[in-house]
């Protein structure tokens, strides 16, 4: 977006300046109807159980998934360990979340996401393949926010998954939320 502005410069000469506005990529993608947000249902870890939630780009989606942000809300009194996996494979396919919306609800018709949030509320199975690219610790009764700025890009059949573990014997409740765009 640029507006032309006339100003008088040195020696009284008329100069043309362009006024520009810089906006975050996520805001731009939202204005285009390509930015989506959503979350899992409750996830439970501890007592030998783990859980996971992720962004899954389906086969034949014809788009790339740009993971922008994720949050993990830890509602327990124990620390949680979170592993971020790219293109993980799980024995169980998980549940597709219905808690997903375009970030821009002003558009009519409302944009429809192709990427799915999938989750498994608890499991004894770890990821079978993929790459664990980093780990985080989530303190008790805290929400961890990680902004990735779209740098993790997954093509068709790819995923960006948060795998949650706890060493506690008690069940720990958490919820994972995501923001992403599709292009």
N, C-alpha and C. Protein backbone atom coordinates (compact mmCIF):
# COMPACT_ATOMS: atom_id res chain seq x y z
N UNK A 1 0.85 -1.16 0.00
CA UNK A 1 0.00 0.00 0.00
C UNK A 1 0.90 1.22 0.00
N UNK A 2 0.69 2.11 -0.94
CA UNK A 2 1.52 3.30 -1.00
C UNK A 2 0.65 4.49 -1.37
N UNK A 3 0.88 5.58 -0.71
CA UNK A 3 0.22 6.85 -1.01
C UNK A 3 1.29 7.84 -1.42
N UNK A 4 0.99 8.65 -2.41
CA UNK A 4 1.93 9.65 -2.85
C UNK A 4 1.70 10.93 -2.05
N UNK A 5 2.80 11.50 -1.56
CA UNK A 5 2.72 12.72 -0.76
C UNK A 5 3.65 13.75 -1.38
N UNK A 6 3.17 14.97 -1.53
CA UNK A 6 4.01 16.06 -2.03
C UNK A 6 4.58 16.82 -0.86
N UNK A 7 5.88 17.04 -0.89
CA UNK A 7 6.54 17.85 0.14
C UNK A 7 7.54 18.77 -0.56
N UNK A 8 7.93 19.82 0.14
CA UNK A 8 8.94 20.71 -0.41
C UNK A 8 10.26 20.41 0.26
N UNK A 9 11.27 20.15 -0.54
CA UNK A 9 12.58 19.79 -0.04
C UNK A 9 13.54 20.95 -0.11
N UNK A 10 14.79 20.61 -0.21
CA UNK A 10 15.87 21.59 -0.26
C UNK A 10 15.66 22.52 -1.45
N UNK A 11 15.90 23.79 -1.26
CA UNK A 11 15.79 24.81 -2.29
C UNK A 11 14.37 24.95 -2.82
N UNK A 12 13.37 24.53 -2.02
CA UNK A 12 11.98 24.73 -2.38
C UNK A 12 11.47 23.87 -3.51
N UNK A 13 12.20 22.82 -3.88
CA UNK A 13 11.76 21.95 -4.97
C UNK A 13 10.69 21.00 -4.46
N UNK A 14 9.68 20.78 -5.29
CA UNK A 14 8.60 19.84 -4.96
C UNK A 14 9.12 18.41 -5.13
N UNK A 15 9.06 17.61 -4.05
CA UNK A 15 9.52 16.21 -4.10
C UNK A 15 8.33 15.30 -3.83
N UNK A 16 8.33 14.17 -4.48
CA UNK A 16 7.29 13.16 -4.26
C UNK A 16 7.86 12.06 -3.36
N UNK A 17 7.17 11.76 -2.27
CA UNK A 17 7.56 10.68 -1.37
C UNK A 17 6.46 9.64 -1.36
N UNK A 18 6.83 8.42 -1.20
CA UNK A 18 5.85 7.35 -1.07
C UNK A 18 5.72 6.97 0.39
N UNK A 19 4.49 6.90 0.86
CA UNK A 19 4.23 6.45 2.22
C UNK A 19 3.91 4.96 2.13
N UNK A 20 4.64 4.14 2.89
CA UNK A 20 4.39 2.71 2.87
C UNK A 20 4.02 2.24 4.27
N UNK A 21 3.26 1.18 4.30
CA UNK A 21 2.84 0.59 5.56
C UNK A 21 3.32 -0.86 5.57
N UNK A 22 3.97 -1.25 6.64
CA UNK A 22 4.44 -2.61 6.79
C UNK A 22 3.50 -3.36 7.73
N UNK A 23 3.03 -4.53 7.28
CA UNK A 23 2.16 -5.34 8.13
C UNK A 23 2.75 -6.74 8.24
N UNK A 24 2.46 -7.45 9.34
CA UNK A 24 2.96 -8.83 9.46
C UNK A 24 2.38 -9.73 8.37
N UNK A 25 3.16 -10.71 7.97
CA UNK A 25 2.71 -11.64 6.94
C UNK A 25 1.41 -12.32 7.36
N UNK A 26 1.29 -12.68 8.65
CA UNK A 26 0.07 -13.36 9.11
C UNK A 26 -1.16 -12.48 8.91
N UNK A 27 -1.04 -11.17 9.13
CA UNK A 27 -2.17 -10.27 8.88
C UNK A 27 -2.50 -10.22 7.40
N UNK A 28 -1.48 -10.14 6.56
CA UNK A 28 -1.72 -10.14 5.12
C UNK A 28 -2.44 -11.42 4.69
N UNK A 29 -1.94 -12.57 5.16
CA UNK A 29 -2.57 -13.85 4.79
C UNK A 29 -4.01 -13.92 5.29
N UNK A 30 -4.27 -13.34 6.45
CA UNK A 30 -5.64 -13.30 6.97
C UNK A 30 -6.55 -12.47 6.08
N UNK A 31 -6.06 -11.32 5.62
CA UNK A 31 -6.89 -10.49 4.73
C UNK A 31 -7.21 -11.21 3.43
N UNK A 32 -6.34 -12.15 3.04
CA UNK A 32 -6.55 -12.92 1.82
C UNK A 32 -7.40 -14.17 2.05
N UNK A 33 -7.77 -14.43 3.31
CA UNK A 33 -8.59 -15.61 3.63
C UNK A 33 -7.80 -16.89 3.71
N UNK A 34 -6.47 -16.78 3.94
CA UNK A 34 -5.63 -17.98 3.96
C UNK A 34 -5.09 -18.32 5.35
N UNK A 35 -5.45 -17.54 6.38
CA UNK A 35 -4.94 -17.78 7.73
C UNK A 35 -6.04 -18.42 8.58
N UNK A 36 -5.66 -19.47 9.31
CA UNK A 36 -6.62 -20.22 10.11
C UNK A 36 -6.09 -20.41 11.52
N UNK A 37 -7.00 -20.59 12.46
CA UNK A 37 -6.67 -20.85 13.85
C UNK A 37 -7.55 -21.98 14.36
N UNK A 38 -7.06 -22.69 15.37
CA UNK A 38 -7.85 -23.75 15.95
C UNK A 38 -7.11 -24.43 17.07
N UNK A 39 -7.81 -25.37 17.72
CA UNK A 39 -7.20 -26.05 18.87
C UNK A 39 -7.69 -27.49 18.98
N UNK A 40 -6.96 -28.24 19.80
CA UNK A 40 -7.34 -29.60 20.12
C UNK A 40 -8.37 -29.59 21.24
N UNK A 41 -8.90 -30.74 21.54
CA UNK A 41 -9.65 -30.94 22.77
C UNK A 41 -8.62 -31.18 23.87
N UNK A 42 -9.07 -31.52 25.07
CA UNK A 42 -8.15 -31.80 26.18
C UNK A 42 -7.26 -32.99 25.85
N UNK A 43 -5.98 -32.85 26.22
CA UNK A 43 -4.99 -33.90 26.05
C UNK A 43 -4.51 -34.31 27.44
N UNK A 44 -4.23 -35.60 27.63
CA UNK A 44 -3.84 -36.10 28.95
C UNK A 44 -2.53 -36.87 28.88
N UNK A 45 -1.59 -36.49 29.75
CA UNK A 45 -0.29 -37.15 29.84
C UNK A 45 -0.02 -37.53 31.29
N UNK A 46 0.97 -38.38 31.50
CA UNK A 46 1.33 -38.83 32.84
C UNK A 46 0.89 -40.27 33.03
N UNK A 47 1.47 -40.93 34.03
CA UNK A 47 1.12 -42.33 34.28
C UNK A 47 1.46 -43.22 33.10
N UNK A 48 2.51 -42.88 32.36
CA UNK A 48 2.91 -43.67 31.19
C UNK A 48 2.23 -43.28 29.89
N UNK A 49 1.36 -42.26 29.94
CA UNK A 49 0.65 -41.81 28.75
C UNK A 49 1.28 -40.54 28.18
N UNK A 50 1.27 -40.41 26.88
CA UNK A 50 1.65 -39.19 26.19
C UNK A 50 0.46 -38.76 25.33
N UNK A 51 0.59 -37.64 24.64
CA UNK A 51 -0.49 -37.14 23.77
C UNK A 51 0.15 -36.35 22.64
N UNK A 52 -0.62 -36.07 21.61
CA UNK A 52 -0.10 -35.24 20.53
C UNK A 52 -1.23 -34.47 19.84
N UNK A 53 -0.83 -33.38 19.19
CA UNK A 53 -1.72 -32.58 18.34
C UNK A 53 -0.87 -32.01 17.22
N UNK A 54 -1.43 -31.91 16.03
CA UNK A 54 -0.63 -31.41 14.92
C UNK A 54 -1.45 -30.86 13.78
N UNK A 55 -0.75 -30.17 12.92
CA UNK A 55 -1.30 -29.67 11.66
C UNK A 55 -0.95 -30.68 10.58
N UNK A 56 -1.97 -31.23 9.93
CA UNK A 56 -1.78 -32.27 8.93
C UNK A 56 -2.27 -31.77 7.57
N UNK A 57 -1.36 -31.76 6.60
CA UNK A 57 -1.68 -31.33 5.24
C UNK A 57 -2.06 -32.58 4.44
N UNK A 58 -3.34 -32.72 4.07
CA UNK A 58 -3.80 -33.95 3.43
C UNK A 58 -3.25 -34.16 2.02
N UNK A 59 -3.31 -35.40 1.59
CA UNK A 59 -2.98 -35.78 0.21
C UNK A 59 -3.92 -35.04 -0.73
N UNK A 60 -3.42 -34.55 -1.84
CA UNK A 60 -4.18 -33.83 -2.87
C UNK A 60 -4.75 -32.50 -2.38
N UNK A 61 -4.13 -31.87 -1.39
CA UNK A 61 -4.62 -30.56 -0.94
C UNK A 61 -4.24 -29.45 -1.91
N UNK A 62 -3.20 -29.66 -2.68
CA UNK A 62 -2.68 -28.67 -3.63
C UNK A 62 -2.22 -27.37 -2.97
N UNK A 63 -1.83 -27.44 -1.70
CA UNK A 63 -1.34 -26.25 -1.00
C UNK A 63 -0.13 -26.65 -0.14
N UNK A 64 0.60 -25.64 0.29
CA UNK A 64 1.62 -25.81 1.31
C UNK A 64 1.08 -25.27 2.62
N UNK A 65 1.47 -25.88 3.71
CA UNK A 65 1.11 -25.48 5.06
C UNK A 65 2.27 -24.67 5.63
N UNK A 66 1.98 -23.48 6.14
CA UNK A 66 2.98 -22.62 6.78
C UNK A 66 2.63 -22.53 8.26
N UNK A 67 3.36 -23.26 9.12
CA UNK A 67 3.09 -23.24 10.56
C UNK A 67 3.57 -21.91 11.12
N UNK A 68 2.66 -21.14 11.70
CA UNK A 68 2.98 -19.80 12.17
C UNK A 68 3.16 -19.72 13.68
N UNK A 69 2.24 -20.31 14.43
CA UNK A 69 2.30 -20.20 15.89
C UNK A 69 1.64 -21.42 16.51
N UNK A 70 2.14 -21.82 17.68
CA UNK A 70 1.42 -22.81 18.47
C UNK A 70 1.49 -22.42 19.93
N UNK A 71 0.47 -22.83 20.67
CA UNK A 71 0.45 -22.61 22.11
C UNK A 71 0.12 -23.94 22.79
N UNK A 72 0.70 -24.12 23.97
CA UNK A 72 0.37 -25.28 24.79
C UNK A 72 -0.02 -24.74 26.15
N UNK A 73 -1.26 -24.97 26.54
CA UNK A 73 -1.73 -24.58 27.87
C UNK A 73 -1.66 -25.79 28.77
N UNK A 74 -0.83 -25.68 29.80
CA UNK A 74 -0.63 -26.75 30.77
C UNK A 74 -1.48 -26.42 31.99
N UNK A 75 -2.55 -27.17 32.20
CA UNK A 75 -3.48 -26.93 33.31
C UNK A 75 -3.14 -27.76 34.54
N UNK A 76 -1.93 -28.32 34.58
CA UNK A 76 -1.57 -29.22 35.68
C UNK A 76 -0.55 -28.57 36.62
N UNK A 77 -0.23 -29.31 37.67
CA UNK A 77 0.77 -28.88 38.66
C UNK A 77 2.16 -29.42 38.32
N UNK A 78 2.30 -30.11 37.19
CA UNK A 78 3.57 -30.74 36.81
C UNK A 78 4.14 -30.12 35.55
N UNK A 79 5.46 -30.23 35.38
CA UNK A 79 6.12 -29.80 34.16
C UNK A 79 5.80 -30.79 33.03
N UNK A 80 5.64 -30.27 31.82
CA UNK A 80 5.44 -31.11 30.65
C UNK A 80 6.63 -30.92 29.71
N UNK A 81 7.00 -32.00 29.02
CA UNK A 81 8.03 -31.92 27.98
C UNK A 81 7.31 -31.99 26.64
N UNK A 82 7.66 -31.07 25.75
CA UNK A 82 7.02 -30.99 24.44
C UNK A 82 8.09 -31.18 23.37
N UNK A 83 7.82 -32.09 22.45
CA UNK A 83 8.70 -32.30 21.31
C UNK A 83 7.99 -31.84 20.04
N UNK A 84 8.69 -31.10 19.21
CA UNK A 84 8.14 -30.66 17.93
C UNK A 84 8.67 -31.60 16.85
N UNK A 85 7.75 -32.21 16.11
CA UNK A 85 8.08 -33.19 15.08
C UNK A 85 7.63 -32.71 13.71
N UNK A 86 8.46 -32.95 12.71
CA UNK A 86 8.10 -32.70 11.31
C UNK A 86 7.86 -34.05 10.64
N UNK A 87 6.74 -34.15 9.97
CA UNK A 87 6.37 -35.34 9.19
C UNK A 87 6.40 -36.63 10.02
N UNK A 88 5.88 -36.53 11.23
CA UNK A 88 5.80 -37.70 12.11
C UNK A 88 4.73 -38.66 11.61
N UNK A 89 4.95 -39.92 11.88
CA UNK A 89 3.93 -40.94 11.60
C UNK A 89 3.54 -41.58 12.92
N UNK A 90 2.25 -41.77 13.08
CA UNK A 90 1.70 -42.35 14.30
C UNK A 90 0.91 -43.59 13.94
N UNK A 91 0.91 -44.55 14.85
CA UNK A 91 0.14 -45.77 14.63
C UNK A 91 -1.35 -45.44 14.54
N UNK A 92 -1.80 -44.51 15.37
CA UNK A 92 -3.20 -44.08 15.34
C UNK A 92 -3.29 -42.75 14.59
N UNK A 93 -4.31 -42.60 13.76
CA UNK A 93 -4.44 -41.41 12.91
C UNK A 93 -4.92 -40.17 13.66
N UNK A 94 -5.49 -40.34 14.84
CA UNK A 94 -5.97 -39.19 15.61
C UNK A 94 -7.36 -38.75 15.20
N UNK A 95 -7.85 -37.78 15.93
CA UNK A 95 -9.20 -37.23 15.73
C UNK A 95 -9.06 -35.87 15.07
N UNK A 96 -9.91 -35.58 14.10
CA UNK A 96 -9.90 -34.27 13.44
C UNK A 96 -10.68 -33.29 14.31
N UNK A 97 -10.04 -32.20 14.68
CA UNK A 97 -10.69 -31.18 15.51
C UNK A 97 -11.73 -30.40 14.71
N UNK A 98 -12.85 -30.12 15.36
CA UNK A 98 -13.86 -29.26 14.73
C UNK A 98 -13.74 -27.83 15.26
N UNK A 99 -12.73 -27.56 16.07
CA UNK A 99 -12.50 -26.23 16.63
C UNK A 99 -11.50 -25.47 15.77
N UNK A 100 -11.88 -25.22 14.52
CA UNK A 100 -11.03 -24.53 13.54
C UNK A 100 -11.85 -23.44 12.87
N UNK A 101 -11.21 -22.29 12.62
CA UNK A 101 -11.91 -21.19 11.97
C UNK A 101 -10.93 -20.37 11.14
N UNK A 102 -11.42 -19.75 10.05
CA UNK A 102 -10.57 -18.76 9.41
C UNK A 102 -10.38 -17.61 10.40
N UNK A 103 -9.21 -17.00 10.39
CA UNK A 103 -8.98 -15.86 11.28
C UNK A 103 -9.80 -14.66 10.82
N UNK A 104 -10.04 -14.56 9.52
CA UNK A 104 -10.82 -13.46 8.96
C UNK A 104 -12.26 -13.95 8.74
N UNK A 105 -13.12 -13.67 9.71
CA UNK A 105 -14.52 -14.10 9.59
C UNK A 105 -15.38 -13.06 8.89
N UNK A 106 -14.77 -11.96 8.43
CA UNK A 106 -15.51 -10.93 7.71
C UNK A 106 -15.73 -11.31 6.24
N UNK A 107 -14.94 -12.25 5.74
CA UNK A 107 -15.07 -12.65 4.34
C UNK A 107 -16.33 -13.49 4.14
N UNK A 108 -17.01 -13.25 3.03
CA UNK A 108 -18.20 -14.03 2.67
C UNK A 108 -18.01 -14.53 1.25
N UNK A 109 -18.12 -15.81 0.97
CA UNK A 109 -18.29 -16.86 1.95
C UNK A 109 -17.01 -17.04 2.77
N UNK A 110 -17.17 -17.65 3.94
CA UNK A 110 -16.03 -17.87 4.81
C UNK A 110 -15.07 -18.87 4.17
N UNK A 111 -13.77 -18.56 4.22
CA UNK A 111 -12.79 -19.50 3.66
C UNK A 111 -12.83 -20.84 4.39
N UNK A 112 -12.51 -21.90 3.68
CA UNK A 112 -12.49 -23.26 4.25
C UNK A 112 -11.05 -23.76 4.28
N UNK A 113 -10.63 -24.22 5.44
CA UNK A 113 -9.28 -24.76 5.58
C UNK A 113 -9.18 -26.12 4.91
N UNK A 114 -8.00 -26.41 4.38
CA UNK A 114 -7.71 -27.74 3.86
C UNK A 114 -6.88 -28.52 4.87
N UNK A 115 -5.97 -27.82 5.57
CA UNK A 115 -5.15 -28.45 6.60
C UNK A 115 -6.05 -28.80 7.78
N UNK A 116 -5.80 -29.95 8.39
CA UNK A 116 -6.58 -30.40 9.54
C UNK A 116 -5.74 -30.33 10.81
N UNK A 117 -6.39 -29.99 11.92
CA UNK A 117 -5.78 -30.21 13.23
C UNK A 117 -6.22 -31.60 13.65
N UNK A 118 -5.24 -32.47 13.88
CA UNK A 118 -5.51 -33.81 14.39
C UNK A 118 -4.88 -33.93 15.76
N UNK A 119 -5.51 -34.72 16.63
CA UNK A 119 -4.98 -34.90 17.98
C UNK A 119 -5.34 -36.30 18.48
N UNK A 120 -4.58 -36.74 19.48
CA UNK A 120 -4.89 -37.97 20.20
C UNK A 120 -4.78 -37.63 21.67
N UNK A 121 -5.90 -37.77 22.39
CA UNK A 121 -5.96 -37.27 23.77
C UNK A 121 -5.01 -37.99 24.71
N UNK A 122 -4.69 -39.24 24.46
CA UNK A 122 -3.65 -39.95 25.21
C UNK A 122 -3.30 -41.24 24.48
N UNK A 123 -2.03 -41.65 24.65
CA UNK A 123 -1.54 -42.84 23.97
C UNK A 123 -0.30 -43.36 24.70
N UNK A 124 0.06 -44.58 24.44
CA UNK A 124 1.31 -45.14 24.93
C UNK A 124 2.33 -45.22 23.80
N UNK A 125 1.93 -44.78 22.60
CA UNK A 125 2.78 -44.88 21.40
C UNK A 125 3.50 -43.56 21.11
N UNK A 126 4.79 -43.67 20.82
CA UNK A 126 5.60 -42.52 20.40
C UNK A 126 5.54 -42.42 18.88
N UNK A 127 5.95 -41.27 18.31
CA UNK A 127 6.02 -41.17 16.84
C UNK A 127 6.92 -42.28 16.29
N UNK A 128 6.51 -42.85 15.14
CA UNK A 128 7.24 -43.96 14.55
C UNK A 128 8.32 -43.50 13.58
N UNK A 129 8.15 -42.34 13.00
CA UNK A 129 9.16 -41.79 12.10
C UNK A 129 8.96 -40.28 12.06
N UNK A 130 9.75 -39.61 11.26
CA UNK A 130 9.73 -38.16 11.21
C UNK A 130 10.98 -37.63 11.90
N UNK A 131 11.02 -36.32 12.11
CA UNK A 131 12.19 -35.69 12.71
C UNK A 131 11.75 -34.85 13.90
N UNK A 132 12.33 -35.14 15.06
CA UNK A 132 12.12 -34.33 16.26
C UNK A 132 13.09 -33.16 16.16
N UNK A 133 12.59 -31.97 15.79
CA UNK A 133 13.48 -30.84 15.51
C UNK A 133 13.83 -30.01 16.75
N UNK A 134 12.99 -30.01 17.77
CA UNK A 134 13.35 -29.35 19.02
C UNK A 134 12.38 -29.71 20.12
N UNK A 135 12.77 -29.36 21.37
CA UNK A 135 11.96 -29.65 22.54
C UNK A 135 11.78 -28.39 23.37
N UNK A 136 10.70 -28.36 24.14
CA UNK A 136 10.42 -27.26 25.06
C UNK A 136 9.88 -27.84 26.35
N UNK A 137 10.03 -27.09 27.43
CA UNK A 137 9.45 -27.45 28.72
C UNK A 137 8.33 -26.47 29.02
N UNK A 138 7.17 -26.98 29.42
CA UNK A 138 6.04 -26.13 29.76
C UNK A 138 5.82 -26.21 31.27
N UNK A 139 6.07 -25.11 31.99
CA UNK A 139 5.88 -25.11 33.44
C UNK A 139 4.42 -25.32 33.83
N UNK A 140 4.19 -25.69 35.09
CA UNK A 140 2.82 -25.90 35.59
C UNK A 140 1.96 -24.64 35.44
N UNK A 141 0.69 -24.85 35.16
CA UNK A 141 -0.30 -23.77 35.09
C UNK A 141 0.18 -22.59 34.24
N UNK A 142 0.71 -22.91 33.07
CA UNK A 142 1.30 -21.90 32.18
C UNK A 142 0.88 -22.19 30.74
N UNK A 143 0.87 -21.14 29.93
CA UNK A 143 0.71 -21.32 28.49
C UNK A 143 2.01 -20.91 27.81
N UNK A 144 2.58 -21.83 27.06
CA UNK A 144 3.77 -21.58 26.26
C UNK A 144 3.31 -21.14 24.88
N UNK A 145 3.86 -20.03 24.40
CA UNK A 145 3.56 -19.53 23.05
C UNK A 145 4.84 -19.57 22.24
N UNK A 146 4.80 -20.20 21.08
CA UNK A 146 5.96 -20.27 20.20
C UNK A 146 5.57 -19.74 18.83
N UNK A 147 6.15 -18.61 18.45
CA UNK A 147 5.87 -18.03 17.14
C UNK A 147 6.93 -18.51 16.15
N UNK A 148 6.49 -19.16 15.10
CA UNK A 148 7.40 -19.73 14.11
C UNK A 148 7.44 -18.92 12.82
N UNK A 149 6.53 -17.95 12.67
CA UNK A 149 6.53 -17.01 11.54
C UNK A 149 6.43 -17.69 10.17
N UNK A 150 5.83 -18.87 10.12
CA UNK A 150 5.62 -19.53 8.84
C UNK A 150 6.85 -20.22 8.28
N UNK A 151 7.92 -20.31 9.08
CA UNK A 151 9.17 -20.87 8.54
C UNK A 151 9.14 -22.39 8.38
N UNK A 152 8.23 -23.08 9.07
CA UNK A 152 8.09 -24.52 8.87
C UNK A 152 7.02 -24.73 7.81
N UNK A 153 7.44 -25.24 6.66
CA UNK A 153 6.56 -25.38 5.49
C UNK A 153 6.42 -26.85 5.17
N UNK A 154 5.18 -27.33 5.17
CA UNK A 154 4.91 -28.74 4.92
C UNK A 154 4.05 -28.87 3.66
N UNK A 155 4.49 -29.73 2.76
CA UNK A 155 3.73 -29.96 1.53
C UNK A 155 2.64 -31.01 1.80
N UNK A 156 1.98 -31.43 0.74
CA UNK A 156 0.94 -32.45 0.85
C UNK A 156 1.49 -33.67 1.59
N UNK A 157 0.68 -34.26 2.44
CA UNK A 157 1.01 -35.44 3.26
C UNK A 157 2.00 -35.13 4.38
N UNK A 158 2.39 -33.88 4.56
CA UNK A 158 3.30 -33.51 5.63
C UNK A 158 2.55 -33.06 6.86
N UNK A 159 3.27 -32.97 7.99
CA UNK A 159 2.64 -32.48 9.21
C UNK A 159 3.64 -31.80 10.12
N UNK A 160 3.10 -30.99 11.00
CA UNK A 160 3.85 -30.27 12.03
C UNK A 160 3.16 -30.63 13.34
N UNK A 161 3.83 -31.44 14.19
CA UNK A 161 3.14 -32.05 15.32
C UNK A 161 3.83 -31.76 16.64
N UNK A 162 3.02 -31.51 17.65
CA UNK A 162 3.47 -31.30 19.03
C UNK A 162 3.18 -32.58 19.80
N UNK A 163 4.24 -33.22 20.31
CA UNK A 163 4.13 -34.47 21.07
C UNK A 163 4.42 -34.12 22.53
N UNK A 164 3.52 -34.49 23.45
CA UNK A 164 3.59 -34.05 24.85
C UNK A 164 3.81 -35.24 25.76
N UNK A 165 4.78 -35.09 26.70
CA UNK A 165 5.10 -36.14 27.66
C UNK A 165 5.15 -35.55 29.07
N UNK A 166 5.03 -36.44 30.05
CA UNK A 166 5.16 -36.05 31.45
C UNK A 166 5.76 -37.21 32.22
N UNK A 167 6.61 -36.90 33.18
CA UNK A 167 7.18 -37.95 34.04
C UNK A 167 6.31 -38.20 35.27
N UNK A 168 5.25 -37.43 35.43
CA UNK A 168 4.37 -37.55 36.58
C UNK A 168 3.55 -38.84 36.51
N UNK A 169 3.17 -39.34 37.65
CA UNK A 169 2.26 -40.48 37.70
C UNK A 169 0.80 -40.02 37.64
N UNK A 170 0.58 -38.72 37.93
CA UNK A 170 -0.78 -38.15 37.84
C UNK A 170 -1.09 -37.79 36.40
N UNK A 171 -2.38 -37.75 36.05
CA UNK A 171 -2.79 -37.28 34.73
C UNK A 171 -2.69 -35.76 34.69
N UNK A 172 -2.11 -35.26 33.63
CA UNK A 172 -1.95 -33.83 33.42
C UNK A 172 -2.75 -33.42 32.20
N UNK A 173 -3.55 -32.35 32.34
CA UNK A 173 -4.40 -31.89 31.23
C UNK A 173 -3.74 -30.72 30.52
N UNK A 174 -3.78 -30.76 29.18
CA UNK A 174 -3.26 -29.65 28.37
C UNK A 174 -4.12 -29.50 27.12
N UNK A 175 -3.97 -28.36 26.46
CA UNK A 175 -4.64 -28.07 25.19
C UNK A 175 -3.61 -27.42 24.28
N UNK A 176 -3.61 -27.81 23.01
CA UNK A 176 -2.70 -27.24 22.02
C UNK A 176 -3.51 -26.45 21.00
N UNK A 177 -3.04 -25.25 20.67
CA UNK A 177 -3.69 -24.41 19.65
C UNK A 177 -2.65 -24.05 18.58
N UNK A 178 -3.15 -23.80 17.36
CA UNK A 178 -2.28 -23.49 16.23
C UNK A 178 -2.82 -22.29 15.44
N UNK A 179 -1.91 -21.58 14.79
CA UNK A 179 -2.23 -20.60 13.77
C UNK A 179 -1.38 -20.91 12.55
N UNK A 180 -1.96 -20.92 11.36
CA UNK A 180 -1.22 -21.28 10.15
C UNK A 180 -1.87 -20.64 8.93
N UNK A 181 -1.11 -20.58 7.86
CA UNK A 181 -1.72 -20.19 6.59
C UNK A 181 -1.45 -21.25 5.55
N UNK A 182 -2.28 -21.21 4.51
CA UNK A 182 -2.26 -22.19 3.42
C UNK A 182 -2.07 -21.45 2.11
N UNK A 183 -1.14 -21.94 1.30
CA UNK A 183 -0.87 -21.25 0.03
C UNK A 183 -0.40 -22.24 -1.01
